[in-house]
PDB file of N, CA and C in Angstrom:
ATOM      1  N   UNK A   1      -1.622  18.453 -17.236  1.00  0.00           N
ATOM      2  CA  UNK A   1      -2.051  17.364 -16.451  1.00  0.00           C
ATOM      3  C   UNK A   1      -3.268  17.254 -17.556  1.00  0.00           C
ATOM      4  N   UNK A   2      -3.752  18.225 -18.737  1.00  0.00           N
ATOM      5  CA  UNK A   2      -5.372  17.998 -18.470  1.00  0.00           C
ATOM      6  C   UNK A   2      -5.024  16.925 -19.643  1.00  0.00           C
ATOM      7  N   UNK A   3      -3.737  16.212 -21.231  1.00  0.00           N
ATOM      8  CA  UNK A   3      -4.333  15.684 -21.494  1.00  0.00           C
ATOM      9  C   UNK A   3      -3.424  13.943 -21.079  1.00  0.00           C
ATOM     10  N   UNK A   4      -2.600  14.556 -20.182  1.00  0.00           N
ATOM     11  CA  UNK A   4      -1.914  13.095 -20.195  1.00  0.00           C
ATOM     12  C   UNK A   4      -3.333  12.059 -18.986  1.00  0.00           C
ATOM     13  N   UNK A   5      -3.489  13.192 -17.910  1.00  0.00           N
ATOM     14  CA  UNK A   5      -4.738  11.845 -17.418  1.00  0.00           C
ATOM     15  C   UNK A   5      -5.331  11.505 -18.038  1.00  0.00           C
ATOM     16  N   UNK A   6      -6.456  12.087 -19.280  1.00  0.00           N
ATOM     17  CA  UNK A   6      -7.031  11.019 -20.032  1.00  0.00           C
ATOM     18  C   UNK A   6      -6.484   9.599 -21.493  1.00  0.00           C
ATOM     19  N   UNK A   7      -5.004  10.200 -21.120  1.00  0.00           N
ATOM     20  CA  UNK A   7      -3.940   9.534 -22.093  1.00  0.00           C
ATOM     21  C   UNK A   7      -3.224   8.485 -21.650  1.00  0.00           C
ATOM     22  N   UNK A   8      -3.474   8.748 -20.653  1.00  0.00           N
ATOM     23  CA  UNK A   8      -3.491   7.403 -19.331  1.00  0.00           C
ATOM     24  C   UNK A   8      -3.947   6.427 -19.561  1.00  0.00           C
ATOM     25  N   UNK A   9      -5.915   6.705 -18.842  1.00  0.00           N
ATOM     26  CA  UNK A   9      -6.961   5.661 -19.788  1.00  0.00           C
ATOM     27  C   UNK A   9      -7.232   5.089 -20.476  1.00  0.00           C
ATOM     28  N   UNK A  10      -6.599   6.260 -21.641  1.00  0.00           N
ATOM     29  CA  UNK A  10      -6.941   5.668 -23.006  1.00  0.00           C
ATOM     30  C   UNK A  10      -6.249   4.366 -23.449  1.00  0.00           C
ATOM     31  N   UNK A  11      -4.482   4.927 -23.600  1.00  0.00           N
ATOM     32  CA  UNK A  11      -3.550   4.404 -23.451  1.00  0.00           C
ATOM     33  C   UNK A  11      -4.179   2.561 -22.545  1.00  0.00           C
ATOM     34  N   UNK A  12      -3.889   2.427 -21.358  1.00  0.00           N
ATOM     35  CA  UNK A  12      -4.807   1.110 -20.046  1.00  0.00           C
ATOM     36  C   UNK A  12      -6.383   0.284 -21.012  1.00  0.00           C
ATOM     37  N   UNK A  13      -7.201   1.380 -21.236  1.00  0.00           N
ATOM     38  CA  UNK A  13      -7.611   1.029 -22.355  1.00  0.00           C
ATOM     39  C   UNK A  13      -7.610  -0.246 -24.397  1.00  0.00           C
ATOM     40  N   UNK A  14      -6.634   0.304 -24.188  1.00  0.00           N
ATOM     41  CA  UNK A  14      -5.954  -0.145 -25.678  1.00  0.00           C
ATOM     42  C   UNK A  14      -5.151  -1.263 -25.329  1.00  0.00           C
ATOM     43  N   UNK A  15      -5.154  -0.893 -24.414  1.00  0.00           N
ATOM     44  CA  UNK A  15      -3.259  -2.337 -23.716  1.00  0.00           C
ATOM     45  C   UNK A  15      -4.535  -4.106 -22.949  1.00  0.00           C
ATOM     46  N   UNK A  16      -5.559  -3.333 -22.718  1.00  0.00           N
ATOM     47  CA  UNK A  16      -6.641  -3.977 -21.990  1.00  0.00           C
ATOM     48  C   UNK A  16      -7.467  -5.326 -23.658  1.00  0.00           C
ATOM     49  N   UNK A  17      -7.364  -3.353 -24.393  1.00  0.00           N
ATOM     50  CA  UNK A  17      -8.698  -4.973 -25.394  1.00  0.00           C
ATOM     51  C   UNK A  17      -7.091  -5.655 -26.417  1.00  0.00           C
ATOM     52  N   UNK A  18      -5.898  -5.082 -26.670  1.00  0.00           N
ATOM     53  CA  UNK A  18      -5.059  -5.757 -27.201  1.00  0.00           C
ATOM     54  C   UNK A  18      -4.872  -6.781 -26.095  1.00  0.00           C
ATOM     55  N   UNK A  19      -4.987  -7.494 -24.747  1.00  0.00           N
ATOM     56  CA  UNK A  19      -4.082  -8.198 -24.259  1.00  0.00           C
ATOM     57  C   UNK A  19      -4.998  -9.249 -25.227  1.00  0.00           C
ATOM     58  N   UNK A  20      -6.558  -9.354 -24.874  1.00  0.00           N
ATOM     59  CA  UNK A  20      -8.056 -10.254 -24.681  1.00  0.00           C
ATOM     60  C   UNK A  20      -8.308 -10.168 -26.232  1.00  0.00           C
ATOM     61  N   UNK A  21      -7.695  -9.741 -27.444  1.00  0.00           N
ATOM     62  CA  UNK A  21      -7.434 -10.283 -29.093  1.00  0.00           C
ATOM     63  C   UNK A  21      -6.390 -11.357 -28.718  1.00  0.00           C
ATOM     64  N   UNK A  22      -5.239 -11.223 -28.393  1.00  0.00           N
ATOM     65  CA  UNK A  22      -4.097 -11.663 -27.938  1.00  0.00           C
ATOM     66  C   UNK A  22      -4.340 -12.903 -27.609  1.00  0.00           C
ATOM     67  N   UNK A  23      -5.564 -13.339 -26.877  1.00  0.00           N
ATOM     68  CA  UNK A  23      -4.873 -14.111 -25.868  1.00  0.00           C
ATOM     69  C   UNK A  23      -7.052 -15.290 -27.157  1.00  0.00           C
ATOM     70  N   UNK A  24      -6.963 -14.364 -27.257  1.00  0.00           N
ATOM     71  CA  UNK A  24      -8.274 -15.050 -28.160  1.00  0.00           C
ATOM     72  C   UNK A  24      -7.774 -16.045 -29.441  1.00  0.00           C
ATOM     73  N   UNK A  25      -6.905 -15.241 -30.016  1.00  0.00           N
ATOM     74  CA  UNK A  25      -5.829 -15.704 -30.644  1.00  0.00           C
ATOM     75  C   UNK A  25      -4.860 -16.956 -30.775  1.00  0.00           C
ATOM     76  N   UNK A  26      -3.694 -17.040 -29.635  1.00  0.00           N
ATOM     77  CA  UNK A  26      -3.708 -17.193 -28.909  1.00  0.00           C
ATOM     78  C   UNK A  26      -4.623 -18.444 -28.443  1.00  0.00           C
ATOM     79  N   UNK A  27      -5.025 -18.670 -28.844  1.00  0.00           N
ATOM     80  CA  UNK A  27      -5.688 -19.895 -27.721  1.00  0.00           C
ATOM     81  C   UNK A  27      -6.138 -20.346 -28.413  1.00  0.00           C
ATOM     82  N   UNK A  28      -6.790 -19.782 -30.355  1.00  0.00           N
ATOM     83  CA  UNK A  28      -7.287 -21.377 -30.979  1.00  0.00           C
ATOM     84  C   UNK A  28      -6.525 -21.490 -31.389  1.00  0.00           C
ATOM     85  N   UNK A  29      -4.334 -20.911 -31.687  1.00  0.00           N
ATOM     86  CA  UNK A  29      -3.287 -21.289 -31.979  1.00  0.00           C
ATOM     87  C   UNK A  29      -3.175 -22.762 -31.041  1.00  0.00           C
ATOM     88  N   UNK A  30      -3.322 -23.048 -30.032  1.00  0.00           N
ATOM     89  CA  UNK A  30      -2.627 -23.953 -28.517  1.00  0.00           C
ATOM     90  C   UNK A  30      -3.653 -25.136 -29.350  1.00  0.00           C
ATOM     91  N   UNK A  31      -2.932 -26.105 -29.166  1.00  0.00           N
ATOM     92  CA  UNK A  31      -3.061 -27.976 -28.700  1.00  0.00           C
ATOM     93  C   UNK A  31      -2.221 -28.448 -28.046  1.00  0.00           C
ATOM     94  N   UNK A  32      -3.773 -29.055 -27.302  1.00  0.00           N
ATOM     95  CA  UNK A  32      -3.285 -29.612 -25.658  1.00  0.00           C
ATOM     96  C   UNK A  32      -3.300 -31.146 -26.017  1.00  0.00           C
ATOM     97  N   UNK A  33      -2.313 -31.514 -25.484  1.00  0.00           N
ATOM     98  CA  UNK A  33      -2.291 -34.321 -25.249  1.00  0.00           C
ATOM     99  C   UNK A  33      -2.214 -33.903 -24.113  1.00  0.00           C
ATOM    100  N   UNK A  34      -2.867 -34.906 -24.124  1.00  0.00           N
ATOM    101  CA  UNK A  34      -1.766 -35.674 -22.888  1.00  0.00           C
ATOM    102  C   UNK A  34      -2.092 -36.924 -23.168  1.00  0.00           C
ATOM    103  N   UNK A  35      -0.970 -37.803 -22.661  1.00  0.00           N
ATOM    104  CA  UNK A  35      -0.553 -39.151 -23.575  1.00  0.00           C
ATOM    105  C   UNK A  35      -0.009 -40.198 -21.890  1.00  0.00           C
ATOM    106  N   UNK A  36       0.235 -40.995 -22.056  1.00  0.00           N
ATOM    107  CA  UNK A  36       0.457 -41.773 -20.448  1.00  0.00           C
ATOM    108  C   UNK A  36       1.607 -41.710 -19.949  1.00  0.00           C
ATOM    109  N   UNK A  37       2.494 -40.440 -20.844  1.00  0.00           N
ATOM    110  CA  UNK A  37       3.704 -41.051 -19.850  1.00  0.00           C
ATOM    111  C   UNK A  37       4.146 -39.002 -19.472  1.00  0.00           C
ATOM    112  N   UNK A  38       2.770 -37.769 -20.274  1.00  0.00           N
ATOM    113  CA  UNK A  38       3.434 -36.481 -19.895  1.00  0.00           C
ATOM    114  C   UNK A  38       2.628 -35.387 -20.768  1.00  0.00           C
ATOM    115  N   UNK A  39       2.268 -34.291 -20.435  1.00  0.00           N
ATOM    116  CA  UNK A  39       0.638 -33.726 -20.918  1.00  0.00           C
ATOM    117  C   UNK A  39       1.914 -32.566 -21.858  1.00  0.00           C
ATOM    118  N   UNK A  40       1.401 -32.218 -22.511  1.00  0.00           N
ATOM    119  CA  UNK A  40       1.706 -31.787 -23.851  1.00  0.00           C
ATOM    120  C   UNK A  40       0.028 -30.423 -24.197  1.00  0.00           C
ATOM    121  N   UNK A  41       1.610 -28.848 -24.053  1.00  0.00           N
ATOM    122  CA  UNK A  41       0.424 -27.382 -24.376  1.00  0.00           C
ATOM    123  C   UNK A  41       1.534 -27.027 -26.058  1.00  0.00           C
ATOM    124  N   UNK A  42       1.454 -27.029 -27.254  1.00  0.00           N
ATOM    125  CA  UNK A  42       1.920 -26.978 -27.879  1.00  0.00           C
ATOM    126  C   UNK A  42       1.332 -25.573 -28.510  1.00  0.00           C
ATOM    127  N   UNK A  43       1.344 -24.775 -29.009  1.00  0.00           N
ATOM    128  CA  UNK A  43       1.594 -23.360 -28.828  1.00  0.00           C
ATOM    129  C   UNK A  43       2.003 -22.968 -30.812  1.00  0.00           C
ATOM    130  N   UNK A  44       1.489 -21.862 -31.811  1.00  0.00           N
ATOM    131  CA  UNK A  44       1.657 -22.238 -33.391  1.00  0.00           C
ATOM    132  C   UNK A  44       1.582 -20.555 -33.778  1.00  0.00           C
ATOM    133  N   UNK A  45       2.703 -19.809 -31.980  1.00  0.00           N
ATOM    134  CA  UNK A  45       1.942 -18.457 -32.693  1.00  0.00           C
ATOM    135  C   UNK A  45       2.605 -18.226 -34.006  1.00  0.00           C
ATOM    136  N   UNK A  46       3.708 -16.868 -33.770  1.00  0.00           N
ATOM    137  CA  UNK A  46       5.177 -16.038 -34.545  1.00  0.00           C
ATOM    138  C   UNK A  46       5.911 -17.391 -34.883  1.00  0.00           C
ATOM    139  N   UNK A  47       6.399 -18.682 -33.768  1.00  0.00           N
ATOM    140  CA  UNK A  47       7.116 -18.948 -33.877  1.00  0.00           C
ATOM    141  C   UNK A  47       5.639 -20.988 -32.572  1.00  0.00           C
ATOM    142  N   UNK A  48       7.020 -21.827 -33.612  1.00  0.00           N
ATOM    143  CA  UNK A  48       5.852 -23.397 -32.778  1.00  0.00           C
ATOM    144  C   UNK A  48       6.627 -22.991 -32.017  1.00  0.00           C
ATOM    145  N   UNK A  49       6.176 -23.933 -30.900  1.00  0.00           N
ATOM    146  CA  UNK A  49       6.548 -23.468 -29.098  1.00  0.00           C
ATOM    147  C   UNK A  49       6.277 -24.663 -28.089  1.00  0.00           C
ATOM    148  N   UNK A  50       6.889 -25.790 -28.030  1.00  0.00           N
ATOM    149  CA  UNK A  50       5.977 -26.713 -27.190  1.00  0.00           C
ATOM    150  C   UNK A  50       6.187 -26.722 -25.374  1.00  0.00           C
ATOM    151  N   UNK A  51       5.778 -27.979 -24.344  1.00  0.00           N
ATOM    152  CA  UNK A  51       5.958 -27.195 -23.916  1.00  0.00           C
ATOM    153  C   UNK A  51       5.343 -28.594 -23.259  1.00  0.00           C
ATOM    154  N   UNK A  52       6.289 -29.458 -22.510  1.00  0.00           N
ATOM    155  CA  UNK A  52       5.815 -31.041 -21.811  1.00  0.00           C
ATOM    156  C   UNK A  52       5.633 -30.291 -20.030  1.00  0.00           C
ATOM    157  N   UNK A  53       4.981 -31.827 -19.831  1.00  0.00           N
ATOM    158  CA  UNK A  53       5.012 -31.598 -18.108  1.00  0.00           C
ATOM    159  C   UNK A  53       4.857 -32.652 -17.696  1.00  0.00           C
ATOM    160  N   UNK A  54       5.649 -32.801 -16.700  1.00  0.00           N
ATOM    161  CA  UNK A  54       5.405 -34.559 -16.106  1.00  0.00           C
ATOM    162  C   UNK A  54       4.709 -34.892 -15.341  1.00  0.00           C
ATOM    163  N   UNK A  55       4.102 -35.793 -15.082  1.00  0.00           N
ATOM    164  CA  UNK A  55       2.991 -35.689 -14.081  1.00  0.00           C
ATOM    165  C   UNK A  55       3.143 -35.729 -12.587  1.00  0.00           C
ATOM    166  N   UNK A  56       4.496 -35.751 -12.147  1.00  0.00           N
ATOM    167  CA  UNK A  56       5.397 -36.078 -10.611  1.00  0.00           C
ATOM    168  C   UNK A  56       5.427 -34.634 -10.597  1.00  0.00           C
ATOM    169  N   UNK A  57       5.485 -33.612 -11.780  1.00  0.00           N
ATOM    170  CA  UNK A  57       5.567 -32.278 -11.444  1.00  0.00           C
ATOM    171  C   UNK A  57       3.675 -31.926 -11.347  1.00  0.00           C
ATOM    172  N   UNK A  58       2.798 -32.636 -10.990  1.00  0.00           N
ATOM    173  CA  UNK A  58       2.002 -31.839 -10.556  1.00  0.00           C
ATOM    174  C   UNK A  58       1.378 -32.178  -9.772  1.00  0.00           C
ATOM    175  N   UNK A  59       0.808 -30.574  -8.251  1.00  0.00           N
ATOM    176  CA  UNK A  59       0.808 -30.513  -7.430  1.00  0.00           C
ATOM    177  C   UNK A  59      -0.582 -30.587  -7.256  1.00  0.00           C
ATOM    178  N   UNK A  60      -1.634 -30.279  -8.328  1.00  0.00           N
ATOM    179  CA  UNK A  60      -2.672 -29.561  -8.131  1.00  0.00           C
ATOM    180  C   UNK A  60      -3.369 -29.720  -8.873  1.00  0.00           C
ATOM    181  N   UNK A  61      -4.448 -30.245  -9.600  1.00  0.00           N
ATOM    182  CA  UNK A  61      -5.636 -29.748 -10.373  1.00  0.00           C
ATOM    183  C   UNK A  61      -7.089 -29.007 -10.552  1.00  0.00           C
ATOM    184  N   UNK A  62      -6.807 -28.440 -10.780  1.00  0.00           N
ATOM    185  CA  UNK A  62      -8.025 -27.010 -11.157  1.00  0.00           C
ATOM    186  C   UNK A  62      -8.554 -27.720 -12.032  1.00  0.00           C
ATOM    187  N   UNK A  63     -10.198 -27.030 -12.113  1.00  0.00           N
ATOM    188  CA  UNK A  63     -11.456 -27.541 -12.717  1.00  0.00           C
ATOM    189  C   UNK A  63     -12.160 -26.378 -13.007  1.00  0.00           C
ATOM    190  N   UNK A  64     -12.284 -26.172 -13.863  1.00  0.00           N
ATOM    191  CA  UNK A  64     -13.412 -25.238 -14.278  1.00  0.00           C
ATOM    192  C   UNK A  64     -14.582 -25.255 -15.325  1.00  0.00           C
ATOM    193  N   UNK A  65     -15.416 -25.945 -15.262  1.00  0.00           N
ATOM    194  CA  UNK A  65     -15.955 -26.134 -16.215  1.00  0.00           C
ATOM    195  C   UNK A  65     -17.586 -25.360 -16.716  1.00  0.00           C
ATOM    196  N   UNK A  66     -17.596 -25.039 -17.648  1.00  0.00           N
ATOM    197  CA  UNK A  66     -18.921 -23.694 -17.975  1.00  0.00           C
ATOM    198  C   UNK A  66     -20.393 -25.445 -17.975  1.00  0.00           C
ATOM    199  N   UNK A  67     -21.626 -25.079 -18.648  1.00  0.00           N
ATOM    200  CA  UNK A  67     -22.823 -25.437 -19.303  1.00  0.00           C
ATOM    201  C   UNK A  67     -22.389 -26.730 -19.951  1.00  0.00           C
ATOM    202  N   UNK A  68     -21.534 -26.352 -20.592  1.00  0.00           N
ATOM    203  CA  UNK A  68     -22.210 -26.951 -22.187  1.00  0.00           C
ATOM    204  C   UNK A  68     -20.325 -27.958 -22.298  1.00  0.00           C
ATOM    205  N   UNK A  69     -20.250 -28.922 -20.896  1.00  0.00           N
ATOM    206  CA  UNK A  69     -19.048 -29.404 -20.950  1.00  0.00           C
ATOM    207  C   UNK A  69     -17.841 -29.417 -20.703  1.00  0.00           C
ATOM    208  N   UNK A  70     -17.493 -28.218 -21.210  1.00  0.00           N
ATOM    209  CA  UNK A  70     -16.284 -27.476 -21.410  1.00  0.00           C
ATOM    210  C   UNK A  70     -15.990 -26.660 -20.685  1.00  0.00           C
ATOM    211  N   UNK A  71     -13.757 -27.062 -19.916  1.00  0.00           N
ATOM    212  CA  UNK A  71     -13.644 -25.098 -19.844  1.00  0.00           C
ATOM    213  C   UNK A  71     -12.631 -26.092 -19.911  1.00  0.00           C
ATOM    214  N   UNK A  72     -11.644 -25.263 -18.357  1.00  0.00           N
ATOM    215  CA  UNK A  72     -10.170 -25.550 -18.270  1.00  0.00           C
ATOM    216  C   UNK A  72      -9.721 -26.066 -17.606  1.00  0.00           C
ATOM    217  N   UNK A  73      -8.348 -26.213 -17.701  1.00  0.00           N
ATOM    218  CA  UNK A  73      -7.601 -27.712 -17.036  1.00  0.00           C
ATOM    219  C   UNK A  73      -7.136 -26.894 -15.993  1.00  0.00           C
ATOM    220  N   UNK A  74      -6.162 -26.418 -15.398  1.00  0.00           N
ATOM    221  CA  UNK A  74      -5.155 -25.980 -14.148  1.00  0.00           C
ATOM    222  C   UNK A  74      -4.502 -27.149 -14.306  1.00  0.00           C
ATOM    223  N   UNK A  75      -2.430 -27.078 -14.383  1.00  0.00           N
ATOM    224  CA  UNK A  75      -2.029 -27.541 -12.671  1.00  0.00           C
ATOM    225  C   UNK A  75      -1.462 -26.828 -12.397  1.00  0.00           C
ATOM    226  N   UNK A  76      -0.917 -27.190 -11.544  1.00  0.00           N
ATOM    227  CA  UNK A  76      -0.051 -26.107 -10.204  1.00  0.00           C
ATOM    228  C   UNK A  76       0.721 -27.081  -9.865  1.00  0.00           C
ATOM    229  N   UNK A  77       1.931 -25.994  -9.812  1.00  0.00           N
ATOM    230  CA  UNK A  77       3.753 -26.765  -8.948  1.00  0.00           C
ATOM    231  C   UNK A  77       3.842 -25.574  -8.157  1.00  0.00           C
ATOM    232  N   UNK A  78       3.233 -26.211  -6.861  1.00  0.00           N
ATOM    233  CA  UNK A  78       4.157 -25.114  -5.311  1.00  0.00           C
ATOM    234  C   UNK A  78       5.704 -25.822  -5.258  1.00  0.00           C
ATOM    235  N   UNK A  79       6.214 -25.063  -6.006  1.00  0.00           N
ATOM    236  CA  UNK A  79       7.932 -24.946  -5.126  1.00  0.00           C
ATOM    237  C   UNK A  79       8.113 -24.856  -3.890  1.00  0.00           C
ATOM    238  N   UNK A  80       9.416 -24.312  -3.437  1.00  0.00           N
ATOM    239  CA  UNK A  80       9.632 -23.861  -2.727  1.00  0.00           C
ATOM    240  C   UNK A  80       9.440 -22.474  -1.840  1.00  0.00           C
ATOM    241  N   UNK A  81       9.339 -22.419  -0.842  1.00  0.00           N
ATOM    242  CA  UNK A  81       8.901 -21.308  -0.663  1.00  0.00           C
ATOM    243  C   UNK A  81       7.123 -20.775  -0.957  1.00  0.00           C
ATOM    244  N   UNK A  82       6.950 -19.131  -1.569  1.00  0.00           N
ATOM    245  CA  UNK A  82       6.555 -18.370  -2.694  1.00  0.00           C
ATOM    246  C   UNK A  82       6.056 -19.520  -4.200  1.00  0.00           C
ATOM    247  N   UNK A  83       6.972 -19.608  -4.123  1.00  0.00           N
ATOM    248  CA  UNK A  83       6.606 -20.494  -5.818  1.00  0.00           C
ATOM    249  C   UNK A  83       6.165 -21.585  -6.147  1.00  0.00           C
ATOM    250  N   UNK A  84       5.568 -20.350  -7.161  1.00  0.00           N
ATOM    251  CA  UNK A  84       3.488 -21.511  -8.145  1.00  0.00           C
ATOM    252  C   UNK A  84       3.952 -21.572  -9.137  1.00  0.00           C
ATOM    253  N   UNK A  85       3.661 -22.130  -9.720  1.00  0.00           N
ATOM    254  CA  UNK A  85       4.284 -21.947 -11.375  1.00  0.00           C
ATOM    255  C   UNK A  85       2.401 -23.088 -11.602  1.00  0.00           C
ATOM    256  N   UNK A  86       2.438 -22.579 -13.112  1.00  0.00           N
ATOM    257  CA  UNK A  86       1.467 -23.045 -12.965  1.00  0.00           C
ATOM    258  C   UNK A  86       0.844 -23.126 -15.155  1.00  0.00           C
ATOM    259  N   UNK A  87       0.576 -24.126 -15.147  1.00  0.00           N
ATOM    260  CA  UNK A  87      -0.389 -24.441 -16.113  1.00  0.00           C
ATOM    261  C   UNK A  87      -1.358 -25.108 -16.755  1.00  0.00           C
ATOM    262  N   UNK A  88      -2.104 -24.168 -17.617  1.00  0.00           N
ATOM    263  CA  UNK A  88      -3.408 -24.685 -18.007  1.00  0.00           C
ATOM    264  C   UNK A  88      -4.379 -25.437 -19.180  1.00  0.00           C
ATOM    265  N   UNK A  89      -5.346 -25.812 -18.996  1.00  0.00           N
ATOM    266  CA  UNK A  89      -5.519 -26.493 -20.565  1.00  0.00           C
ATOM    267  C   UNK A  89      -6.576 -25.875 -20.882  1.00  0.00           C
ATOM    268  N   UNK A  90      -7.006 -24.713 -22.065  1.00  0.00           N
ATOM    269  CA  UNK A  90      -7.986 -23.578 -21.691  1.00  0.00           C
ATOM    270  C   UNK A  90      -9.388 -24.116 -22.970  1.00  0.00           C
ATOM    271  N   UNK A  91     -10.287 -23.865 -22.557  1.00  0.00           N
ATOM    272  CA  UNK A  91     -11.636 -24.217 -23.475  1.00  0.00           C
ATOM    273  C   UNK A  91     -11.018 -25.628 -24.151  1.00  0.00           C
ATOM    274  N   UNK A  92     -11.018 -26.104 -22.998  1.00  0.00           N
ATOM    275  CA  UNK A  92     -10.998 -27.781 -24.396  1.00  0.00           C
ATOM    276  C   UNK A  92     -12.769 -28.585 -23.627  1.00  0.00           C
ATOM    277  N   UNK A  93     -13.373 -29.758 -24.468  1.00  0.00           N
ATOM    278  CA  UNK A  93     -14.856 -30.068 -24.233  1.00  0.00           C
ATOM    279  C   UNK A  93     -14.110 -31.372 -22.802  1.00  0.00           C
ATOM    280  N   UNK A  94     -15.140 -31.538 -22.527  1.00  0.00           N
ATOM    281  CA  UNK A  94     -15.527 -32.966 -21.230  1.00  0.00           C
ATOM    282  C   UNK A  94     -14.195 -32.728 -20.326  1.00  0.00           C
ATOM    283  N   UNK A  95     -13.801 -31.664 -19.624  1.00  0.00           N
ATOM    284  CA  UNK A  95     -12.591 -31.070 -19.102  1.00  0.00           C
ATOM    285  C   UNK A  95     -12.440 -31.850 -17.461  1.00  0.00           C
ATOM    286  N   UNK A  96     -14.008 -32.871 -17.939  1.00  0.00           N
ATOM    287  CA  UNK A  96     -14.367 -33.578 -16.185  1.00  0.00           C
ATOM    288  C   UNK A  96     -13.212 -35.214 -16.528  1.00  0.00           C
ATOM    289  N   UNK A  97     -13.972 -35.150 -17.798  1.00  0.00           N
ATOM    290  CA  UNK A  97     -13.176 -37.140 -18.219  1.00  0.00           C
ATOM    291  C   UNK A  97     -11.449 -36.453 -19.053  1.00  0.00           C
ATOM    292  N   UNK A  98     -11.162 -35.070 -19.409  1.00  0.00           N
ATOM    293  CA  UNK A  98      -9.958 -34.931 -18.654  1.00  0.00           C
ATOM    294  C   UNK A  98      -8.994 -34.476 -18.121  1.00  0.00           C
ATOM    295  N   UNK A  99      -9.370 -33.952 -16.673  1.00  0.00           N
ATOM    296  CA  UNK A  99      -9.399 -34.293 -14.744  1.00  0.00           C
ATOM    297  C   UNK A  99      -9.324 -35.355 -14.905  1.00  0.00           C
ATOM    298  N   UNK A 100      -9.469 -36.253 -15.082  1.00  0.00           N
ATOM    299  CA  UNK A 100      -9.524 -38.206 -14.029  1.00  0.00           C
ATOM    300  C   UNK A 100      -8.618 -38.564 -15.761  1.00  0.00           C
ATOM    301  N   UNK A 101      -8.732 -38.330 -16.575  1.00  0.00           N
ATOM    302  CA  UNK A 101      -7.332 -39.129 -16.807  1.00  0.00           C
ATOM    303  C   UNK A 101      -5.652 -38.096 -16.442  1.00  0.00           C
ATOM    304  N   UNK A 102      -5.629 -37.527 -16.393  1.00  0.00           N
ATOM    305  CA  UNK A 102      -4.112 -36.567 -15.734  1.00  0.00           C
ATOM    306  C   UNK A 102      -4.707 -37.086 -14.199  1.00  0.00           C
ATOM    307  N   UNK A 103      -5.368 -37.054 -13.674  1.00  0.00           N
ATOM    308  CA  UNK A 103      -5.592 -37.290 -12.022  1.00  0.00           C
ATOM    309  C   UNK A 103      -5.132 -38.691 -12.088  1.00  0.00           C
ATOM    310  N   UNK A 104      -5.255 -39.363 -12.147  1.00  0.00           N
ATOM    311  CA  UNK A 104      -4.682 -40.972 -14.039  1.00  0.00           C
ATOM    312  C   UNK A 104      -3.332 -41.201 -13.790  1.00  0.00           C
ATOM    313  N   UNK A 105      -3.231 -40.612 -14.186  1.00  0.00           N
ATOM    314  CA  UNK A 105      -1.513 -39.733 -14.808  1.00  0.00           C
ATOM    315  C   UNK A 105       0.032 -40.349 -13.687  1.00  0.00           C
ATOM    316  N   UNK A 106      -1.382 -38.655 -12.956  1.00  0.00           N
ATOM    317  CA  UNK A 106       0.017 -38.575 -11.930  1.00  0.00           C
ATOM    318  C   UNK A 106       0.187 -39.291 -10.789  1.00  0.00           C
ATOM    319  N   UNK A 107      -0.844 -39.793 -10.302  1.00  0.00           N
ATOM    320  CA  UNK A 107      -1.019 -40.944  -8.866  1.00  0.00           C
ATOM    321  C   UNK A 107      -0.559 -42.243  -9.958  1.00  0.00           C
ATOM    322  N   UNK A 108       0.200 -43.122 -11.145  1.00  0.00           N
ATOM    323  CA  UNK A 108       0.238 -43.907 -11.430  1.00  0.00           C
ATOM    324  C   UNK A 108       2.152 -43.398 -11.196  1.00  0.00           C
ATOM    325  N   UNK A 109       1.924 -42.125 -12.072  1.00  0.00           N
ATOM    326  CA  UNK A 109       3.345 -41.499 -11.237  1.00  0.00           C
ATOM    327  C   UNK A 109       4.659 -41.687 -10.003  1.00  0.00           C
ATOM    328  N   UNK A 110       3.885 -40.915  -9.369  1.00  0.00           N
ATOM    329  CA  UNK A 110       3.296 -41.035  -8.229  1.00  0.00           C
ATOM    330  C   UNK A 110       4.099 -42.722  -7.649  1.00  0.00           C
ATOM    331  N   UNK A 111       2.955 -43.997  -8.665  1.00  0.00           N
ATOM    332  CA  UNK A 111       3.258 -44.326  -7.733  1.00  0.00           C
ATOM    333  C   UNK A 111       4.933 -44.685  -8.126  1.00  0.00           C
ATOM    334  N   UNK A 112       5.553 -45.347  -9.877  1.00  0.00           N
ATOM    335  CA  UNK A 112       6.214 -45.257 -10.039  1.00  0.00           C
ATOM    336  C   UNK A 112       7.835 -45.217  -9.439  1.00  0.00           C
ATOM    337  N   UNK A 113       7.677 -43.588  -8.592  1.00  0.00           N
ATOM    338  CA  UNK A 113       8.117 -42.858  -8.658  1.00  0.00           C
ATOM    339  C   UNK A 113       8.956 -43.263  -6.787  1.00  0.00           C
ATOM    340  N   UNK A 114       8.000 -43.913  -5.934  1.00  0.00           N
ATOM    341  CA  UNK A 114       7.841 -44.149  -4.704  1.00  0.00           C
ATOM    342  C   UNK A 114       9.129 -45.733  -4.542  1.00  0.00           C
TER     343      UNK A 114
END
């Protein structure tokens, strides 16, 4: 009991620090794009991975803005039951301008679908 209890806290601390470092590296190696048809998230970590998000798949757009107008834009898709999928553009400049573009894209896609 004497070594196990502190060892658990040490492992939890190391895991938290490693997770934060990994997130910093991942954010720096990620590109975002908002075209006239879809949103793209391209990650280039161990291998390149691209994710596309159709504007009709977005229910909610959330903006978190910092003092320098940069911030995070989160897209949420609420499915049936309790299922929720979240995607985010993290650390982008002019986050309000991008949010406005995404909202316009989302509304025009809904008009075309109906």
